[in-house]
Structure formats: structure tokens, C-alpha cells
Amino acid sequence: MNYVESILKVLGIGLILGAGLPAVFALGLVAFSRGAGSDGTDGTAAATPNAALKYLGVLLFIFVGWVILTAVLWITRMTIFHHTGVDLFPFLPKK
């Protein structure tokens, strides 16, 4: 049963990070573009800009970038520690 539990954990994290991050990025794109407003075909403003949606889009972009940067640093943490002596995640137990 331990193997099945481990496989389900990996599957869950894979779905969250594999499909979840692109979905969050897409939501950021939608929020940012709707927050910018739009122009009609004749050049007049069809929708007024919404600053809250633009900020939400930027916050979602920052969140996705933070997750990606943290994942890369997590993967390379032992190499960084070996070459520089800097422990990027000192609050987590060592193997």
C-alpha cells in the first residue's frame, strides 16, 4: 500500500504543478488583458481599464515566476551548497 500512496502523491503534485501553473498563468493573462480595457473598431474605448484586474494579473505572473524559481533552486540546492556553502533552505531537514 505504501507504493500506491507514494504514486498518488507524485501524481497529485504533478497535476497541480504540471497543469495548475499554466492555468494560473492563463488566468493572469486574462485578468491583465481585461484590466487593460479595449478599443472598439472605430478607435473609441469599448471597455474602460480596470486597475484591480491588471494588478491581479501581475500578481499571478509574479506567483508563477516565484514557483518556477523556487523549484529550480530546490532542484539545484545541493550543488549550490557544495560550491558556495550557502544553504538556500536552512529550515528544511537534510537527507
N, C-alpha and C. Protein backbone atom coordinates (compact mmCIF):
# COMPACT_ATOMS: atom_id res chain seq x y z
N MET A 1 0.81 -1.19 0.00
CA MET A 1 0.00 0.00 0.00
C MET A 1 0.86 1.26 0.00
N ASN A 2 2.07 1.13 0.52
CA ASN A 2 2.96 2.27 0.57
C ASN A 2 3.31 2.77 -0.84
N TYR A 3 3.47 1.83 -1.79
CA TYR A 3 3.79 2.23 -3.16
C TYR A 3 2.63 2.98 -3.81
N VAL A 4 1.43 2.52 -3.58
CA VAL A 4 0.26 3.18 -4.16
C VAL A 4 0.11 4.58 -3.59
N GLU A 5 0.34 4.73 -2.30
CA GLU A 5 0.25 6.05 -1.67
C GLU A 5 1.30 6.99 -2.24
N SER A 6 2.52 6.51 -2.43
CA SER A 6 3.58 7.33 -3.00
C SER A 6 3.27 7.73 -4.43
N ILE A 7 2.76 6.80 -5.20
CA ILE A 7 2.41 7.09 -6.60
C ILE A 7 1.31 8.14 -6.66
N LEU A 8 0.32 8.04 -5.78
CA LEU A 8 -0.77 9.01 -5.77
C LEU A 8 -0.28 10.40 -5.35
N LYS A 9 0.67 10.46 -4.43
CA LYS A 9 1.24 11.76 -4.04
C LYS A 9 1.97 12.42 -5.21
N VAL A 10 2.78 11.62 -5.91
CA VAL A 10 3.51 12.16 -7.06
C VAL A 10 2.54 12.59 -8.16
N LEU A 11 1.51 11.80 -8.38
CA LEU A 11 0.51 12.15 -9.38
C LEU A 11 -0.20 13.45 -9.02
N GLY A 12 -0.56 13.60 -7.76
CA GLY A 12 -1.24 14.82 -7.32
C GLY A 12 -0.37 16.07 -7.49
N ILE A 13 0.88 15.98 -7.07
CA ILE A 13 1.79 17.12 -7.23
C ILE A 13 2.03 17.41 -8.70
N GLY A 14 2.15 16.36 -9.50
CA GLY A 14 2.34 16.55 -10.94
C GLY A 14 1.17 17.25 -11.58
N LEU A 15 -0.03 16.90 -11.16
CA LEU A 15 -1.21 17.57 -11.71
C LEU A 15 -1.29 19.02 -11.27
N ILE A 16 -0.97 19.27 -10.01
CA ILE A 16 -1.04 20.64 -9.50
C ILE A 16 -0.01 21.52 -10.19
N LEU A 17 1.23 21.06 -10.24
CA LEU A 17 2.28 21.89 -10.83
C LEU A 17 2.30 21.78 -12.35
N GLY A 18 1.96 20.62 -12.88
CA GLY A 18 2.00 20.44 -14.33
C GLY A 18 0.87 21.12 -15.05
N ALA A 19 -0.33 21.04 -14.51
CA ALA A 19 -1.48 21.67 -15.16
C ALA A 19 -1.91 22.93 -14.43
N GLY A 20 -1.61 23.02 -13.16
CA GLY A 20 -2.05 24.16 -12.37
C GLY A 20 -1.32 25.44 -12.69
N LEU A 21 0.00 25.38 -12.83
CA LEU A 21 0.77 26.60 -13.12
C LEU A 21 0.42 27.20 -14.47
N PRO A 22 0.31 26.42 -15.54
CA PRO A 22 -0.13 27.03 -16.80
C PRO A 22 -1.54 27.62 -16.71
N ALA A 23 -2.40 26.99 -15.91
CA ALA A 23 -3.76 27.53 -15.74
C ALA A 23 -3.71 28.86 -14.99
N VAL A 24 -2.87 28.96 -13.96
CA VAL A 24 -2.73 30.22 -13.22
C VAL A 24 -2.15 31.30 -14.13
N PHE A 25 -1.17 30.92 -14.96
CA PHE A 25 -0.59 31.87 -15.90
C PHE A 25 -1.66 32.35 -16.89
N ALA A 26 -2.48 31.43 -17.39
CA ALA A 26 -3.55 31.80 -18.32
C ALA A 26 -4.56 32.74 -17.65
N LEU A 27 -4.89 32.46 -16.40
CA LEU A 27 -5.78 33.37 -15.67
C LEU A 27 -5.16 34.74 -15.50
N GLY A 28 -3.84 34.79 -15.30
CA GLY A 28 -3.14 36.06 -15.22
C GLY A 28 -3.22 36.83 -16.53
N LEU A 29 -3.06 36.11 -17.63
CA LEU A 29 -3.17 36.76 -18.94
C LEU A 29 -4.56 37.33 -19.17
N VAL A 30 -5.57 36.56 -18.81
CA VAL A 30 -6.95 37.02 -18.99
C VAL A 30 -7.22 38.23 -18.11
N ALA A 31 -6.81 38.17 -16.85
CA ALA A 31 -7.05 39.29 -15.94
C ALA A 31 -6.32 40.54 -16.42
N PHE A 32 -5.07 40.38 -16.83
CA PHE A 32 -4.29 41.54 -17.28
C PHE A 32 -4.89 42.16 -18.54
N SER A 33 -5.29 41.31 -19.50
CA SER A 33 -5.83 41.86 -20.75
C SER A 33 -7.19 42.51 -20.54
N ARG A 34 -8.03 41.92 -19.68
CA ARG A 34 -9.32 42.55 -19.41
C ARG A 34 -9.16 43.82 -18.58
N GLY A 35 -8.13 43.86 -17.75
CA GLY A 35 -7.87 45.05 -16.96
C GLY A 35 -7.34 46.21 -17.77
N ALA A 36 -6.75 45.90 -18.92
CA ALA A 36 -6.19 46.95 -19.77
C ALA A 36 -7.27 47.69 -20.55
N GLY A 37 -8.47 47.11 -20.63
CA GLY A 37 -9.52 47.73 -21.43
C GLY A 37 -9.33 47.35 -22.88
N SER A 38 -10.20 47.85 -23.73
CA SER A 38 -10.08 47.53 -25.16
C SER A 38 -10.59 48.70 -25.97
N ASP A 39 -10.19 48.71 -27.21
CA ASP A 39 -10.63 49.73 -28.15
C ASP A 39 -11.65 49.12 -29.11
N GLY A 40 -12.62 49.92 -29.46
CA GLY A 40 -13.60 49.48 -30.44
C GLY A 40 -13.00 49.52 -31.84
N THR A 41 -13.77 49.11 -32.81
CA THR A 41 -13.28 49.10 -34.18
C THR A 41 -13.08 50.51 -34.73
N ASP A 42 -13.80 51.47 -34.18
CA ASP A 42 -13.66 52.85 -34.66
C ASP A 42 -12.67 53.66 -33.84
N GLY A 43 -11.97 53.02 -32.90
CA GLY A 43 -10.95 53.71 -32.12
C GLY A 43 -11.43 54.24 -30.79
N THR A 44 -12.71 54.15 -30.51
CA THR A 44 -13.22 54.60 -29.22
C THR A 44 -13.02 53.50 -28.18
N ALA A 45 -13.06 53.89 -26.92
CA ALA A 45 -12.88 52.93 -25.83
C ALA A 45 -14.13 52.09 -25.68
N ALA A 46 -13.99 50.78 -25.87
CA ALA A 46 -15.13 49.88 -25.73
C ALA A 46 -15.28 49.43 -24.29
N ALA A 47 -14.17 49.25 -23.59
CA ALA A 47 -14.21 48.87 -22.18
C ALA A 47 -13.19 49.71 -21.43
N THR A 48 -13.58 50.22 -20.29
CA THR A 48 -12.68 51.06 -19.52
C THR A 48 -11.64 50.21 -18.80
N PRO A 49 -10.45 50.74 -18.63
CA PRO A 49 -9.41 49.98 -17.92
C PRO A 49 -9.80 49.73 -16.47
N ASN A 50 -9.40 48.59 -15.95
CA ASN A 50 -9.68 48.21 -14.58
C ASN A 50 -8.35 47.90 -13.91
N ALA A 51 -7.91 48.80 -13.03
CA ALA A 51 -6.60 48.65 -12.40
C ALA A 51 -6.52 47.41 -11.51
N ALA A 52 -7.62 47.04 -10.87
CA ALA A 52 -7.60 45.87 -9.98
C ALA A 52 -7.31 44.60 -10.77
N LEU A 53 -7.89 44.46 -11.95
CA LEU A 53 -7.62 43.28 -12.77
C LEU A 53 -6.19 43.26 -13.28
N LYS A 54 -5.67 44.43 -13.62
CA LYS A 54 -4.27 44.49 -14.06
C LYS A 54 -3.33 44.06 -12.94
N TYR A 55 -3.58 44.55 -11.72
CA TYR A 55 -2.74 44.16 -10.59
C TYR A 55 -2.88 42.68 -10.26
N LEU A 56 -4.09 42.15 -10.39
CA LEU A 56 -4.29 40.72 -10.17
C LEU A 56 -3.49 39.91 -11.19
N GLY A 57 -3.51 40.33 -12.43
CA GLY A 57 -2.73 39.65 -13.47
C GLY A 57 -1.24 39.68 -13.17
N VAL A 58 -0.74 40.83 -12.74
CA VAL A 58 0.68 40.96 -12.42
C VAL A 58 1.02 40.08 -11.21
N LEU A 59 0.15 40.05 -10.20
CA LEU A 59 0.39 39.21 -9.03
C LEU A 59 0.42 37.72 -9.40
N LEU A 60 -0.45 37.31 -10.31
CA LEU A 60 -0.43 35.92 -10.75
C LEU A 60 0.85 35.60 -11.53
N PHE A 61 1.34 36.55 -12.34
CA PHE A 61 2.61 36.35 -13.04
C PHE A 61 3.75 36.21 -12.05
N ILE A 62 3.76 37.07 -11.03
CA ILE A 62 4.82 37.01 -10.02
C ILE A 62 4.77 35.69 -9.27
N PHE A 63 3.57 35.21 -8.95
CA PHE A 63 3.43 33.93 -8.26
C PHE A 63 3.99 32.79 -9.10
N VAL A 64 3.65 32.74 -10.37
CA VAL A 64 4.15 31.67 -11.25
C VAL A 64 5.67 31.75 -11.35
N GLY A 65 6.22 32.94 -11.48
CA GLY A 65 7.68 33.10 -11.54
C GLY A 65 8.35 32.66 -10.25
N TRP A 66 7.72 32.98 -9.10
CA TRP A 66 8.27 32.57 -7.81
C TRP A 66 8.29 31.05 -7.67
N VAL A 67 7.22 30.39 -8.10
CA VAL A 67 7.16 28.93 -8.02
C VAL A 67 8.24 28.30 -8.90
N ILE A 68 8.41 28.82 -10.09
CA ILE A 68 9.42 28.27 -11.01
C ILE A 68 10.82 28.49 -10.45
N LEU A 69 11.10 29.69 -9.95
CA LEU A 69 12.42 29.98 -9.38
C LEU A 69 12.69 29.10 -8.15
N THR A 70 11.70 28.94 -7.29
CA THR A 70 11.86 28.10 -6.11
C THR A 70 12.11 26.65 -6.50
N ALA A 71 11.41 26.16 -7.53
CA ALA A 71 11.61 24.79 -7.98
C ALA A 71 13.01 24.57 -8.52
N VAL A 72 13.51 25.52 -9.30
CA VAL A 72 14.87 25.40 -9.83
C VAL A 72 15.90 25.43 -8.71
N LEU A 73 15.71 26.33 -7.75
CA LEU A 73 16.64 26.38 -6.61
C LEU A 73 16.55 25.13 -5.76
N TRP A 74 15.36 24.57 -5.62
CA TRP A 74 15.20 23.32 -4.85
C TRP A 74 15.94 22.17 -5.54
N ILE A 75 15.83 22.10 -6.85
CA ILE A 75 16.49 21.02 -7.59
C ILE A 75 18.00 21.16 -7.50
N THR A 76 18.51 22.37 -7.51
CA THR A 76 19.96 22.59 -7.52
C THR A 76 20.53 22.93 -6.15
N ARG A 77 19.77 22.73 -5.08
CA ARG A 77 20.19 23.17 -3.74
C ARG A 77 21.48 22.51 -3.28
N MET A 78 21.68 21.23 -3.54
CA MET A 78 22.88 20.55 -3.06
C MET A 78 24.11 20.98 -3.87
N THR A 79 23.93 21.23 -5.15
CA THR A 79 25.05 21.72 -5.96
C THR A 79 25.46 23.12 -5.51
N ILE A 80 24.48 23.96 -5.25
CA ILE A 80 24.78 25.31 -4.77
C ILE A 80 25.47 25.25 -3.41
N PHE A 81 24.99 24.37 -2.53
CA PHE A 81 25.61 24.22 -1.21
C PHE A 81 27.04 23.69 -1.34
N HIS A 82 27.25 22.76 -2.25
CA HIS A 82 28.59 22.18 -2.43
C HIS A 82 29.59 23.22 -2.92
N HIS A 83 29.19 24.05 -3.86
CA HIS A 83 30.12 25.01 -4.46
C HIS A 83 30.25 26.31 -3.68
N THR A 84 29.20 26.74 -3.00
CA THR A 84 29.25 28.04 -2.33
C THR A 84 29.13 27.95 -0.81
N GLY A 85 28.62 26.85 -0.30
CA GLY A 85 28.41 26.73 1.13
C GLY A 85 27.15 27.44 1.61
N VAL A 86 26.33 27.91 0.70
CA VAL A 86 25.10 28.62 1.04
C VAL A 86 23.95 27.62 1.06
N ASP A 87 23.27 27.54 2.20
CA ASP A 87 22.11 26.66 2.33
C ASP A 87 20.86 27.49 2.04
N LEU A 88 20.24 27.25 0.89
CA LEU A 88 19.09 28.05 0.47
C LEU A 88 17.83 27.71 1.25
N PHE A 89 17.74 26.53 1.80
CA PHE A 89 16.57 26.09 2.55
C PHE A 89 17.02 25.59 3.92
N PRO A 90 17.48 26.48 4.81
CA PRO A 90 18.02 26.03 6.09
C PRO A 90 16.95 25.49 7.05
N PHE A 91 15.70 25.81 6.81
CA PHE A 91 14.62 25.39 7.68
C PHE A 91 14.15 23.97 7.40
N LEU A 92 14.63 23.36 6.31
CA LEU A 92 14.23 22.01 5.96
C LEU A 92 15.31 21.02 6.40
N PRO A 93 14.92 19.82 6.81
CA PRO A 93 15.90 18.84 7.26
C PRO A 93 16.78 18.34 6.12
N LYS A 94 18.00 17.99 6.47
CA LYS A 94 18.94 17.45 5.47
C LYS A 94 18.73 15.96 5.34
N LYS A 95 19.08 15.43 4.19
CA LYS A 95 18.97 13.99 3.98
C LYS A 95 20.17 13.28 4.55
